[in-house]
Amino acid sequence: MPIVYKIDVIAALKAAGYSTYRIRKEKLLGEATLQRLRNKDTVSWENIATICKLLNCQPGDLMEYMEEQEADKE
């Protein structure tokens, strides 16, 4: 996938005060979404919007496009 995360989203959420327990308890993101983020898999735009709201950032702060060959090296 040529879209990759620039940051560790789970770590950024924790730094902002959103533990995975709190995220699940307050139903901000589902467990499947958290697992996809742990595995650095893509998530829906709705989930990206929620993450951006929680972190007060833009999607470009979270993700970037990389050529297929460059993305495979990571």
C-alpha atoms as a PDB file:
ATOM      1  CA  MET A   1       0.000   0.000   0.000  1.00  0.00           C
ATOM      2  CA  PRO A   2       1.556   3.320  -0.998  1.00  0.00           C
ATOM      3  CA  ILE A   3      -0.038   5.193   1.933  1.00  0.00           C
ATOM      4  CA  VAL A   4       2.010   4.849   5.129  1.00  0.00           C
ATOM      5  CA  TYR A   5       1.759   6.338   8.602  1.00  0.00           C
ATOM      6  CA  LYS A   6       4.326   9.010   9.424  1.00  0.00           C
ATOM      7  CA  ILE A   7       3.839   8.516  13.160  1.00  0.00           C
ATOM      8  CA  ASP A   8       2.931   5.739  15.576  1.00  0.00           C
ATOM      9  CA  VAL A   9      -0.746   6.634  15.920  1.00  0.00           C
ATOM     10  CA  ILE A  10      -1.327   4.528  19.051  1.00  0.00           C
ATOM     11  CA  ALA A  11       1.664   6.165  20.797  1.00  0.00           C
ATOM     12  CA  ALA A  12       0.470   9.637  19.751  1.00  0.00           C
ATOM     13  CA  LEU A  13      -3.001   8.933  21.137  1.00  0.00           C
ATOM     14  CA  LYS A  14      -1.482   7.710  24.424  1.00  0.00           C
ATOM     15  CA  ALA A  15       0.679  10.846  24.633  1.00  0.00           C
ATOM     16  CA  ALA A  16      -2.490  12.920  24.173  1.00  0.00           C
ATOM     17  CA  GLY A  17      -4.150  11.113  27.095  1.00  0.00           C
ATOM     18  CA  TYR A  18      -6.109   8.511  25.138  1.00  0.00           C
ATOM     19  CA  SER A  19      -5.156   5.047  26.385  1.00  0.00           C
ATOM     20  CA  THR A  20      -6.528   2.107  24.437  1.00  0.00           C
ATOM     21  CA  TYR A  21      -8.747   1.389  27.459  1.00  0.00           C
ATOM     22  CA  ARG A  22     -10.200   4.918  27.342  1.00  0.00           C
ATOM     23  CA  ILE A  23     -10.641   4.751  23.557  1.00  0.00           C
ATOM     24  CA  ARG A  24     -12.620   1.508  23.870  1.00  0.00           C
ATOM     25  CA  LYS A  25     -14.579   2.599  26.968  1.00  0.00           C
ATOM     26  CA  GLU A  26     -15.658   5.887  25.365  1.00  0.00           C
ATOM     27  CA  LYS A  27     -16.272   4.085  22.048  1.00  0.00           C
ATOM     28  CA  LEU A  28     -14.056   6.497  20.138  1.00  0.00           C
ATOM     29  CA  LEU A  29     -12.559   3.729  17.957  1.00  0.00           C
ATOM     30  CA  GLY A  30     -13.332   0.035  17.769  1.00  0.00           C
ATOM     31  CA  GLU A  31     -10.977  -2.776  18.750  1.00  0.00           C
ATOM     32  CA  ALA A  32     -10.596  -3.823  15.103  1.00  0.00           C
ATOM     33  CA  THR A  33      -9.499  -0.284  14.221  1.00  0.00           C
ATOM     34  CA  LEU A  34      -6.983  -0.248  17.069  1.00  0.00           C
ATOM     35  CA  GLN A  35      -5.590  -3.560  15.848  1.00  0.00           C
ATOM     36  CA  ARG A  36      -5.288  -2.238  12.289  1.00  0.00           C
ATOM     37  CA  LEU A  37      -3.397   0.793  13.627  1.00  0.00           C
ATOM     38  CA  ARG A  38      -1.065  -1.471  15.630  1.00  0.00           C
ATOM     39  CA  ASN A  39      -0.341  -3.398  12.421  1.00  0.00           C
ATOM     40  CA  LYS A  40       0.104  -0.141  10.471  1.00  0.00           C
ATOM     41  CA  ASP A  41      -2.811  -1.082   8.189  1.00  0.00           C
ATOM     42  CA  THR A  42      -5.057   1.571   6.687  1.00  0.00           C
ATOM     43  CA  VAL A  43      -8.316   2.533   8.375  1.00  0.00           C
ATOM     44  CA  SER A  44     -11.445   4.273   7.120  1.00  0.00           C
ATOM     45  CA  TRP A  45     -11.645   8.006   6.536  1.00  0.00           C
ATOM     46  CA  GLU A  46     -14.197   8.194   9.341  1.00  0.00           C
ATOM     47  CA  ASN A  47     -11.594   6.762  11.719  1.00  0.00           C
ATOM     48  CA  ILE A  48      -8.906   9.086  10.349  1.00  0.00           C
ATOM     49  CA  ALA A  49     -11.268  12.010  11.035  1.00  0.00           C
ATOM     50  CA  THR A  50     -11.781  10.808  14.619  1.00  0.00           C
ATOM     51  CA  ILE A  51      -8.023  10.463  15.149  1.00  0.00           C
ATOM     52  CA  CYS A  52      -7.428  13.939  13.711  1.00  0.00           C
ATOM     53  CA  LYS A  53     -10.057  15.361  16.063  1.00  0.00           C
ATOM     54  CA  LEU A  54      -8.492  13.638  19.084  1.00  0.00           C
ATOM     55  CA  LEU A  55      -4.955  14.706  18.151  1.00  0.00           C
ATOM     56  CA  ASN A  56      -5.977  18.130  16.797  1.00  0.00           C
ATOM     57  CA  CYS A  57      -4.118  17.525  13.531  1.00  0.00           C
ATOM     58  CA  GLN A  58      -4.626  17.092   9.790  1.00  0.00           C
ATOM     59  CA  PRO A  59      -4.591  13.776   7.860  1.00  0.00           C
ATOM     60  CA  GLY A  60      -1.278  14.800   6.276  1.00  0.00           C
ATOM     61  CA  ASP A  61       0.242  14.877   9.765  1.00  0.00           C
ATOM     62  CA  LEU A  62      -0.598  11.176  10.117  1.00  0.00           C
ATOM     63  CA  MET A  63      -0.035   9.732   6.657  1.00  0.00           C
ATOM     64  CA  GLU A  64       1.980  10.205   3.509  1.00  0.00           C
ATOM     65  CA  TYR A  65       2.108   8.749   0.022  1.00  0.00           C
ATOM     66  CA  MET A  66       5.218   6.785  -0.847  1.00  0.00           C
ATOM     67  CA  GLU A  67       6.072   5.177  -4.139  1.00  0.00           C
ATOM     68  CA  GLU A  68       5.314   1.463  -4.056  1.00  0.00           C
ATOM     69  CA  GLN A  69       9.019   0.471  -4.044  1.00  0.00           C
ATOM     70  CA  GLU A  70       9.833   2.811  -1.148  1.00  0.00           C
ATOM     71  CA  ALA A  71       6.837   1.615   0.876  1.00  0.00           C
ATOM     72  CA  ASP A  72       7.889  -2.031   0.442  1.00  0.00           C
ATOM     73  CA  LYS A  73      11.262  -1.341   2.039  1.00  0.00           C
ATOM     74  CA  GLU A  74       9.710  -0.362   5.391  1.00  0.00           C
END
